[in-house]
Protein backbone atom coordinates (compact mmCIF):
# COMPACT_ATOMS: atom_id res chain seq x y z
CA MET A 1 -3.65 34.04 29.63
CA ALA A 2 -6.41 31.49 29.00
CA THR A 3 -7.45 28.69 31.35
CA LEU A 4 -7.69 25.03 30.35
CA SER A 5 -11.49 25.19 30.14
CA GLU A 6 -11.25 28.15 27.75
CA LEU A 7 -8.75 26.32 25.53
CA VAL A 8 -10.96 23.24 25.56
CA GLU A 9 -14.05 25.24 24.58
CA GLY A 10 -12.29 27.11 21.77
CA LEU A 11 -10.49 24.03 20.40
CA ALA A 12 -13.80 22.15 20.32
CA TYR A 13 -15.38 24.92 18.23
CA VAL A 14 -12.45 25.03 15.79
CA THR A 15 -11.95 21.25 15.34
CA ARG A 16 -15.65 20.34 15.75
CA ILE A 17 -14.62 17.63 18.17
CA PRO A 18 -17.24 17.40 20.96
CA GLU A 19 -16.29 19.62 23.87
CA ALA A 20 -16.63 16.71 26.30
CA THR A 21 -14.06 14.76 24.27
CA VAL A 22 -11.57 17.65 24.21
CA PHE A 23 -12.17 18.10 27.95
CA ALA A 24 -11.30 14.42 28.49
CA TYR A 25 -8.04 14.87 26.55
CA GLY A 26 -7.20 17.82 28.79
CA ARG A 27 -8.16 15.98 31.96
CA PHE A 28 -6.04 12.90 31.23
CA ALA A 29 -3.12 15.00 30.01
CA ARG A 30 -3.30 17.02 33.23
CA GLU A 31 -3.43 13.87 35.36
CA ALA A 32 -0.30 12.68 33.52
CA GLY A 33 1.49 15.91 34.43
CA ALA A 34 1.53 17.28 30.86
CA ILE A 35 -0.71 20.25 31.72
CA ASN A 36 -0.58 22.61 34.70
CA GLN A 37 -2.75 21.26 37.55
CA LYS A 38 -2.99 24.26 39.89
CA GLY A 39 -6.44 25.52 40.85
CA ARG A 40 -9.96 25.08 39.56
CA GLY A 41 -12.89 27.36 38.78
CA ARG A 42 -12.02 31.04 39.18
CA ALA A 43 -8.65 30.02 40.61
CA ALA A 44 -7.89 27.79 37.62
CA ALA A 45 -4.31 27.88 36.40
CA GLU A 46 -3.46 30.02 33.40
CA MET A 47 -2.16 27.93 30.53
CA SER A 48 1.36 28.36 29.17
CA ALA A 49 2.49 27.73 25.61
CA THR A 50 3.78 24.35 26.83
CA ASP A 51 0.36 23.42 28.22
CA ALA A 52 -1.40 24.44 25.01
CA ALA A 53 1.11 22.58 22.83
CA ASN A 54 0.66 19.43 24.92
CA LEU A 55 -3.13 19.62 24.57
CA LEU A 56 -2.80 19.85 20.78
CA ILE A 57 -0.34 16.93 20.76
CA ALA A 58 -2.74 14.82 22.82
CA VAL A 59 -5.69 15.55 20.53
CA GLY A 60 -3.68 14.85 17.39
CA GLY A 61 -1.66 11.92 18.71
CA THR A 62 -4.34 9.48 19.80
CA ALA A 63 -8.01 8.65 19.34
CA VAL A 64 -8.22 7.33 22.91
CA THR A 65 -8.57 10.14 25.43
CA ARG A 66 -7.15 8.02 28.28
CA GLU A 67 -3.90 7.80 26.30
CA ALA A 68 -3.44 11.59 26.21
CA GLY A 69 -0.46 11.52 28.56
CA ASP A 70 1.15 8.67 26.64
CA ALA A 71 0.65 10.56 23.36
CA VAL A 72 2.44 13.62 24.73
CA ARG A 73 5.33 11.47 25.99
CA ARG A 74 5.50 9.66 22.63
CA TYR A 75 5.33 12.60 20.24
CA ARG A 76 6.88 15.49 22.15
CA PRO A 77 10.55 14.29 22.07
CA MET A 78 10.52 13.51 18.32
CA ARG A 79 13.19 15.17 16.16
CA GLY A 80 12.54 16.82 12.83
CA SER A 81 14.16 16.50 9.42
CA ILE A 82 13.59 19.22 6.79
CA TYR A 83 12.56 18.63 3.18
CA ASP A 84 12.20 21.18 0.36
CA PHE A 85 10.00 20.20 -2.59
CA SER A 86 9.57 23.43 -4.51
CA ARG A 87 11.27 25.37 -7.26
CA ALA A 88 10.05 28.47 -5.43
CA PRO A 89 12.68 30.43 -3.47
CA ILE A 90 10.86 29.80 -0.20
CA LYS A 91 13.35 27.43 1.44
CA ASP A 92 15.69 30.16 2.68
CA VAL A 93 12.75 32.17 4.03
CA ILE A 94 11.41 29.24 6.07
CA LEU A 95 14.89 28.21 7.23
CA THR A 96 15.49 31.75 8.51
CA TRP A 97 12.15 31.59 10.31
CA LEU A 98 13.15 28.25 11.89
CA LYS A 99 16.61 29.43 13.03
CA PRO A 100 15.51 30.13 16.63
CA LEU A 101 14.81 26.40 16.96
CA GLY A 102 18.37 25.52 15.93
CA LEU A 103 19.39 24.18 12.52
CA LEU A 104 21.81 21.25 12.34
CA LEU A 105 23.50 20.25 9.08
CA ASP A 106 22.25 16.78 8.22
CA ASP A 107 23.81 16.17 4.81
CA GLN A 108 25.37 17.99 1.84
CA HIS A 109 24.17 17.39 -1.72
CA GLU A 110 24.73 18.97 -5.11
CA THR A 111 21.39 20.70 -4.71
CA GLY A 112 22.48 22.20 -1.39
CA PRO A 113 22.63 21.36 2.32
CA GLU A 114 19.96 19.41 4.18
CA PHE A 115 19.08 20.34 7.74
CA ARG A 116 17.36 18.94 10.77
CA LEU A 117 16.04 20.73 13.84
CA LYS A 118 17.81 20.82 17.16
CA ALA A 119 14.52 21.46 18.97
CA ASP A 120 12.09 18.60 19.52
CA PHE A 121 8.47 18.48 18.35
CA GLY A 122 7.11 19.86 21.61
CA GLU A 123 9.34 22.91 21.37
CA PHE A 124 8.37 23.31 17.72
CA MET A 125 4.66 23.39 18.66
CA GLU A 126 5.32 26.01 21.35
CA PHE A 127 7.25 28.09 18.83
CA LEU A 128 4.40 27.74 16.33
CA LEU A 129 1.84 29.01 18.86
CA VAL A 130 3.91 32.04 19.81
CA GLU A 131 4.56 32.85 16.15
CA ALA A 132 0.82 32.61 15.45
CA ALA A 133 0.03 34.88 18.38
CA THR A 134 2.63 37.49 17.49
CA GLY A 135 2.13 37.64 13.72
CA GLY A 136 5.25 35.79 12.56
CA LEU A 137 3.41 32.77 11.20
CA GLN A 138 0.98 34.93 9.21
CA ARG A 139 3.84 36.87 7.63
CA LEU A 140 5.62 33.62 6.74
CA LEU A 141 2.56 32.05 5.08
CA ARG A 142 1.94 35.20 3.06
CA ARG A 143 5.44 34.89 1.59
CA ILE A 144 4.74 31.49 0.02
CA PRO A 145 4.32 32.14 -3.73
CA ALA A 146 0.79 31.32 -4.88
CA ALA A 147 -1.00 31.92 -8.17
CA GLU A 148 -4.43 31.42 -9.66
CA ILE A 149 -4.92 30.99 -13.40
CA PRO A 150 -7.90 33.00 -14.68
CA ASP A 151 -10.80 30.76 -15.72
CA ASP A 152 -11.16 32.40 -19.13
CA LEU A 153 -7.46 31.93 -19.92
CA LEU A 154 -7.54 28.24 -18.95
CA ALA A 155 -10.73 27.76 -20.99
CA SER A 156 -9.06 29.27 -24.06
CA TRP A 157 -6.04 26.99 -23.67
CA ILE A 158 -8.30 23.93 -23.43
CA ARG A 159 -10.36 25.07 -26.42
CA THR A 160 -7.24 25.51 -28.59
CA ASP A 161 -5.33 22.57 -27.10
CA SER A 162 -2.55 25.00 -26.21
CA GLU A 163 1.01 23.82 -25.60
CA HIS A 164 0.86 25.67 -22.28
CA LEU A 165 -1.29 22.86 -20.88
CA ASP A 166 1.83 20.67 -20.84
CA GLU A 167 3.79 23.25 -18.83
CA ASP A 168 4.03 23.78 -15.11
CA VAL A 169 2.65 26.82 -13.31
CA ASP A 170 6.25 27.89 -12.64
CA ASP A 171 6.71 28.14 -16.41
CA TRP A 172 3.53 30.21 -16.75
CA VAL A 173 4.78 32.61 -14.08
CA GLU A 174 8.24 32.89 -15.65
CA LYS A 175 6.67 33.69 -19.03
CA GLY A 176 4.34 36.27 -17.51
CA LEU A 177 1.21 34.32 -18.45
CA VAL A 178 0.09 34.09 -14.82
CA GLN A 179 0.78 36.58 -12.03
CA LEU A 180 1.74 35.65 -8.48
CA LYS A 181 -0.71 36.83 -5.85
CA ALA A 182 0.32 39.79 -3.72
CA PRO A 183 0.95 38.88 -0.04
CA ASP A 184 -2.18 40.73 1.12
CA GLU A 185 -4.27 38.73 -1.39
CA ILE A 186 -3.20 35.35 -0.02
CA ARG A 187 -6.12 33.39 1.46
CA PHE A 188 -5.28 30.97 4.26
CA GLY A 189 -6.74 27.52 3.71
CA GLU A 190 -7.26 28.23 0.00
CA ASP A 191 -4.04 29.66 -1.49
CA VAL A 192 -1.74 28.44 1.28
CA GLU A 193 -2.19 26.00 4.12
CA LEU A 194 -0.34 24.66 7.14
CA ALA A 195 -1.12 21.02 7.93
CA ILE A 196 0.22 19.08 10.93
CA THR A 197 -0.49 15.39 10.38
CA PHE A 198 -0.06 12.92 13.24
CA VAL A 199 0.47 9.40 11.89
CA ARG A 200 -0.78 7.27 14.75
CA THR A 201 0.02 3.74 13.53
CA TYR A 202 3.62 4.58 12.69
CA PRO A 203 4.48 7.38 15.12
CA ARG A 204 5.50 10.31 12.96
CA VAL A 205 4.39 13.91 12.39
CA ASP A 206 4.45 15.64 9.02
CA VAL A 207 4.34 19.45 9.15
CA GLU A 208 3.53 20.60 5.63
CA PHE A 209 3.52 24.09 4.15
CA LYS A 210 1.22 23.84 1.13
CA ARG A 211 0.07 26.09 -1.66
CA MET A 212 -2.49 25.90 -4.43
CA TRP A 213 -0.51 25.66 -7.67
CA ARG A 214 -1.79 23.34 -10.37
CA GLY A 215 -3.34 21.53 -7.48
CA ALA A 216 -2.45 21.27 -3.82
CA GLU A 217 1.36 21.21 -3.61
CA THR A 218 3.64 20.77 -0.60
CA VAL A 219 6.50 23.26 -0.93
CA PHE A 220 8.24 22.60 2.39
CA GLN A 221 7.98 19.92 5.04
CA VAL A 222 9.38 19.10 8.46
CA THR A 223 8.92 15.45 9.45
CA PHE A 224 9.37 14.45 13.07
CA TYR A 225 10.47 10.90 13.82
CA PRO A 226 10.91 9.00 17.10
CA ALA A 227 14.46 8.49 18.33
CA ARG A 228 14.09 4.75 17.77
CA SER A 229 12.78 3.64 14.40
CA VAL A 230 9.66 1.49 14.15
CA SER A 231 9.17 -1.24 11.56
CA ALA A 232 7.96 0.32 8.32
CA GLU A 233 5.52 -2.56 7.88
CA ILE A 234 3.27 -0.97 10.47
CA ASP A 235 2.71 1.90 8.05
CA ALA A 236 0.84 -0.47 5.72
CA LEU A 237 -2.25 0.66 7.66
CA ARG A 238 -2.05 4.43 7.99
CA VAL A 239 -4.29 6.05 10.58
CA ALA A 240 -3.71 9.77 10.89
CA ALA A 241 -5.22 13.00 12.23
CA THR A 242 -4.47 16.46 10.87
CA LEU A 243 -4.52 19.84 12.57
CA THR A 244 -4.64 22.85 10.24
CA GLN A 245 -3.72 26.49 10.68
CA HIS A 246 -7.22 27.12 12.10
CA ALA A 247 -6.47 25.06 15.21
CA ILE A 248 -3.07 26.70 15.65
CA PHE A 249 -4.32 30.27 15.26
CA GLY A 250 -7.42 29.61 17.33
CA VAL A 251 -5.46 28.22 20.29
CA ALA A 252 -2.72 30.87 19.96
CA TRP A 253 -5.23 33.75 20.01
CA LEU A 254 -7.11 32.21 22.93
CA LEU A 255 -3.84 31.69 24.79
CA SER A 256 -2.80 35.32 24.34
CA ASN A 257 -6.28 36.71 25.13
CA GLN A 258 -6.71 38.09 21.62
CA LEU A 259 -9.85 36.00 21.28
CA ARG A 260 -12.55 34.67 23.59
CA PRO A 261 -13.98 31.12 23.21
CA GLU A 262 -17.51 32.42 22.67
CA ALA A 263 -16.29 34.30 19.56
CA LEU A 264 -15.80 30.90 17.90
CA ARG A 265 -19.19 29.49 18.81
CA GLY A 266 -21.38 28.32 15.93
CA ARG A 267 -19.46 29.65 12.94
CA GLY A 268 -15.98 29.39 14.44
CA LEU A 269 -14.10 28.41 11.28
CA LEU A 270 -15.73 31.20 9.29
CA ARG A 271 -14.81 33.75 11.94
CA LEU A 272 -11.21 32.53 11.98
CA ASP A 273 -11.09 32.81 8.18
CA GLN A 274 -12.38 36.38 8.35
CA ARG A 275 -9.85 37.28 11.02
CA LEU A 276 -6.97 35.73 9.07
CA ARG A 277 -7.97 37.49 5.84
CA ARG A 278 -7.84 40.87 7.52
CA GLY A 279 -4.45 40.09 9.07
CA GLY A 280 -5.46 39.07 12.58
CA GLY A 281 -2.73 38.51 15.15
CA ALA A 282 -0.46 41.04 16.74
CA GLY A 283 2.50 42.14 14.66
CA GLN A 284 5.11 42.30 17.39
CA GLU A 285 8.76 41.81 16.72
CA ARG A 286 10.22 38.33 17.24
CA GLY A 287 13.52 38.07 19.03
CA GLN A 288 16.57 36.26 17.68
CA ASP A 289 16.63 33.57 20.37
CA HIS A 290 13.97 30.93 20.66
CA PRO A 291 11.94 31.62 23.85
CA ARG A 292 11.11 28.35 25.57
CA GLY A 293 9.12 27.24 28.61
CA LYS A 294 8.48 30.17 30.93
CA ALA A 295 9.97 32.58 28.38
CA MET A 296 7.23 31.54 25.94
CA THR A 297 4.58 32.36 28.51
CA SER A 298 6.38 35.64 29.24
CA LYS A 299 6.11 36.64 25.59
CA LEU A 300 2.39 35.93 25.53
CA ARG A 301 2.02 38.00 28.69
CA HIS A 302 3.85 40.76 26.85
CA LEU A 303 0.97 40.83 24.35
CA GLU A 304 -1.47 41.34 27.21
CA ARG A 305 0.66 44.18 28.57
CA VAL A 306 0.69 45.81 25.13
CA GLY A 307 -3.10 45.78 25.16
CA GLU A 308 -3.19 47.20 28.68
CA ASN A 309 -0.72 49.93 27.73
CA VAL A 310 -2.84 50.88 24.72
CA GLU A 311 -5.93 51.25 26.91
CA ASN A 312 -4.02 53.26 29.51
CA ASP A 313 -2.58 55.57 26.83
CA ILE A 314 -6.01 56.17 25.31
CA ARG A 315 -7.54 56.82 28.73
CA ARG A 316 -4.77 59.31 29.56
CA CYS A 317 -3.95 60.93 26.20
CA GLY A 318 -6.78 60.05 23.85
CA ARG A 319 -4.62 57.76 21.74
CA SER A 320 -1.71 55.34 21.79
CA VAL A 321 1.14 55.17 19.28
CA LEU A 322 2.37 51.66 18.57
CA CYS A 323 5.94 51.47 17.22
CA ILE A 324 7.00 48.25 15.49
CA VAL A 325 10.73 47.66 15.04
CA ALA A 326 11.38 45.69 11.86
CA GLU A 327 12.74 42.22 11.49
CA ALA A 328 15.67 41.76 9.12
CA ASP A 329 13.68 41.62 5.88
CA ALA A 330 10.86 44.00 6.78
CA ARG A 331 10.34 47.73 7.49
CA SER A 332 9.72 49.47 10.78
CA PHE A 333 6.46 51.36 11.11
CA ALA A 334 4.29 53.17 13.64
CA TYR A 335 0.60 53.92 13.89
CA THR A 336 -2.00 55.43 16.18
CA ILE A 337 -4.81 53.70 18.02
CA GLY A 338 -7.64 55.89 19.29
CA ASN A 339 -8.20 58.65 16.73
CA TRP A 340 -11.19 56.77 15.33
CA ILE A 341 -12.94 57.06 18.69
CA VAL A 342 -13.51 60.74 17.88
CA GLY A 343 -14.25 60.09 14.22
CA LEU A 344 -10.76 60.82 12.88
CA PRO A 345 -8.55 58.41 10.91
CA GLU A 346 -5.74 56.45 12.49
CA LEU A 347 -2.35 57.58 11.18
CA LEU A 348 0.35 55.25 9.83
CA ILE A 349 3.97 55.93 8.92
CA ILE A 350 6.17 53.26 7.27
CA GLY A 351 9.97 53.25 7.27
CA THR A 352 10.54 54.36 10.84
CA ALA A 353 9.46 53.29 14.31
CA LYS A 354 9.71 56.87 15.60
CA GLY A 355 6.06 57.72 15.97
CA ALA A 356 6.15 60.98 17.96
CA LEU A 357 5.15 63.04 14.92
CA LEU A 358 1.91 61.03 14.72
CA ASN A 359 0.88 62.61 18.01
CA ASP A 360 1.52 66.10 16.58
CA LEU A 361 -0.45 65.33 13.44
CA SER A 362 -3.30 63.84 15.47
CA GLN A 363 -3.51 67.00 17.57
CA MET A 364 -3.69 69.06 14.38
CA MET A 365 -6.70 67.02 13.22
CA ILE A 366 -8.39 67.41 16.57
CA ALA A 367 -7.79 71.18 16.56
CA ARG A 368 -9.34 71.59 13.11
CA GLY A 369 -12.05 68.98 13.79
CA ALA A 370 -11.46 67.15 10.53
CA ALA A 371 -9.12 64.70 8.81
CA PHE A 372 -6.41 65.84 6.45
CA ALA A 373 -7.36 66.07 2.78
CA ASP A 374 -5.99 63.32 0.54
CA GLY A 375 -2.57 64.53 -0.66
CA GLU A 376 -2.44 67.45 1.80
CA LEU A 377 1.02 68.82 2.63
CA VAL A 378 1.51 69.50 6.34
CA ASN A 379 4.37 71.57 7.75
CA LEU A 380 5.96 70.01 10.82
CA GLY A 381 8.76 72.55 11.17
CA GLY A 382 11.33 70.84 8.96
CA LYS A 383 12.78 71.87 5.61
CA TYR A 384 10.03 70.01 3.72
CA PRO A 385 6.44 69.16 4.69
CA ALA A 386 4.93 65.72 5.15
CA LYS A 387 2.27 64.44 2.78
CA ILE A 388 -0.91 62.78 4.04
CA ILE A 389 -2.79 60.32 1.81
CA ASP A 390 -5.88 58.18 2.27
CA ALA A 391 -4.82 54.53 2.68
CA ASP A 392 -6.67 51.46 1.42
CA GLN A 393 -7.37 48.13 3.16
CA ARG A 394 -3.71 47.09 2.91
CA ALA A 395 -3.10 49.33 5.89
CA GLN A 396 -5.58 47.48 8.11
CA ALA A 397 -4.53 44.06 6.80
CA GLY A 398 -0.77 44.44 7.09
CA TYR A 399 0.00 47.25 9.51
CA THR A 400 -2.63 48.69 11.87
CA ILE A 401 -3.67 45.27 13.12
CA GLN A 402 -4.05 46.07 16.80
CA ALA A 403 -6.13 49.14 15.98
CA GLY A 404 -8.68 46.78 14.46
CA GLN A 405 -8.48 44.56 17.51
CA TYR A 406 -9.05 47.53 19.80
CA HIS A 407 -11.98 48.93 17.80
CA GLY A 408 -13.45 45.46 17.27
CA HIS A 409 -13.86 45.90 13.50
CA GLU A 410 -12.00 46.93 10.34
CA ASP A 411 -14.36 49.72 9.28
CA TYR A 412 -12.10 52.55 10.40
CA ARG A 413 -10.13 54.96 8.21
CA VAL A 414 -6.35 55.07 7.97
CA GLN A 415 -4.25 57.87 6.51
CA GLN A 416 -0.61 57.24 5.61
CA VAL A 417 2.07 59.81 6.36
CA LEU A 418 4.69 60.09 3.61
CA MET A 419 8.06 61.67 4.36
CA PRO A 420 10.19 63.24 1.58
CA ASP A 421 13.72 62.47 0.49
CA ARG A 422 16.52 65.06 0.80
CA ASN A 423 15.23 66.80 -2.33
CA GLY A 424 11.66 67.07 -1.06
CA ARG A 425 10.24 64.30 -3.27
CA PHE A 426 7.80 61.76 -1.83
CA PRO A 427 7.70 57.96 -2.37
CA ASP A 428 4.82 58.37 -4.87
CA ASP A 429 7.07 60.53 -7.08
CA PRO A 430 8.99 58.52 -9.76
CA GLU A 431 12.04 60.72 -9.15
CA CYS A 432 12.10 60.09 -5.39
CA GLN A 433 15.49 58.82 -4.15
CA ARG A 434 16.24 55.64 -2.21
CA PRO A 435 15.52 54.50 0.42
CA TYR A 436 12.32 56.60 0.45
CA SER A 437 11.38 55.45 -3.06
CA THR A 438 11.24 51.82 -1.88
CA LEU A 439 8.66 52.46 0.83
CA PRO A 440 5.14 51.13 0.10
CA VAL A 441 2.51 53.72 -0.77
CA LEU A 442 -0.91 52.43 0.28
CA ARG A 443 -2.97 55.06 -1.54
CA ARG A 444 -6.67 54.31 -1.88
CA PRO A 445 -7.77 54.13 -5.55
């Protein structure tokens, strides 16, 4: 877990607020009891998700560092109402993601029910940090539909004064004129964006999930209001500060020791962009109940233990096999970490979290001193063999994330293990039977 000074240093790099200013926010928030006060120097207290959330609230909630404690007390208890602005079928996905925070029925309309959150804004920020650290927020953002119209197509429409110019992007997609981007092609900050805007003059927070459509478009929003309303006239002068996904991911990765502050020095935003594009953030399973307070910190500590277990496995056995149990709408998978140390590809299997066979296959590669050939059939003692294929960058971006974190780069090979259906056909065979036929095949072109 990170210390306050580490969070201050990293947040300063990401937001480009002077480090001394961020330090002052932290100091006054700590004096107000909003941040853990135990220890200094080497004995400094490790920050919890609550501490980190309160630091972000202080920075966003006021321009006066001495008011940090007041800002936390003002914004943290706010309650959120949910708004859906898109024709895209993203509402149900985000509502499912928000369920651990508690959904309360607010109203019922012809267009469907409206909800508000049971959790307050402080709990929402803690949840956001844990989701960023464990991969849930990345997966959610990649599910927001985004599209980009080719420049030459748009130019031809303008040149011919096409009727399509009067249509919406949704219409272009429905007609097949424009294709939605694949999840692994989504660029954070360009195709999709998370913006948390603190309105300081009229205390309110707008959490917006945005996408680039025909312009920047908010598809989903949670607005947090104080328990007691304030005169709307105050909003005639709107002073606001916005935190983006960069601040959230930066603090979350610092908090869970997936990133060191010095890694953000100088070109911090660029480095965060690069990390996000390659799928940074551990892909651990999220539980069904919202972990709060100490449970939040416990989950972040779990990430540290995962890293320690990986190192211990590699030290003892030469590799570690990470098994990821799927969430409701995803697939389980397992992969190795450590084969690349001896120049052999990491192995990935999708559709099961039982990764023992990856150890057997790894030992076969070590015994022969070479990787499997692309498309090679390997007998594991069953009725049918397994097939090994060379995987492309989708493997590193969406699956073998902690292997990249362990190796410190993404320039390592991955081979995917394909298992056959009951008739011996593999997922890359058009006649393969379900559910094997639905499994992704990440073959390198």
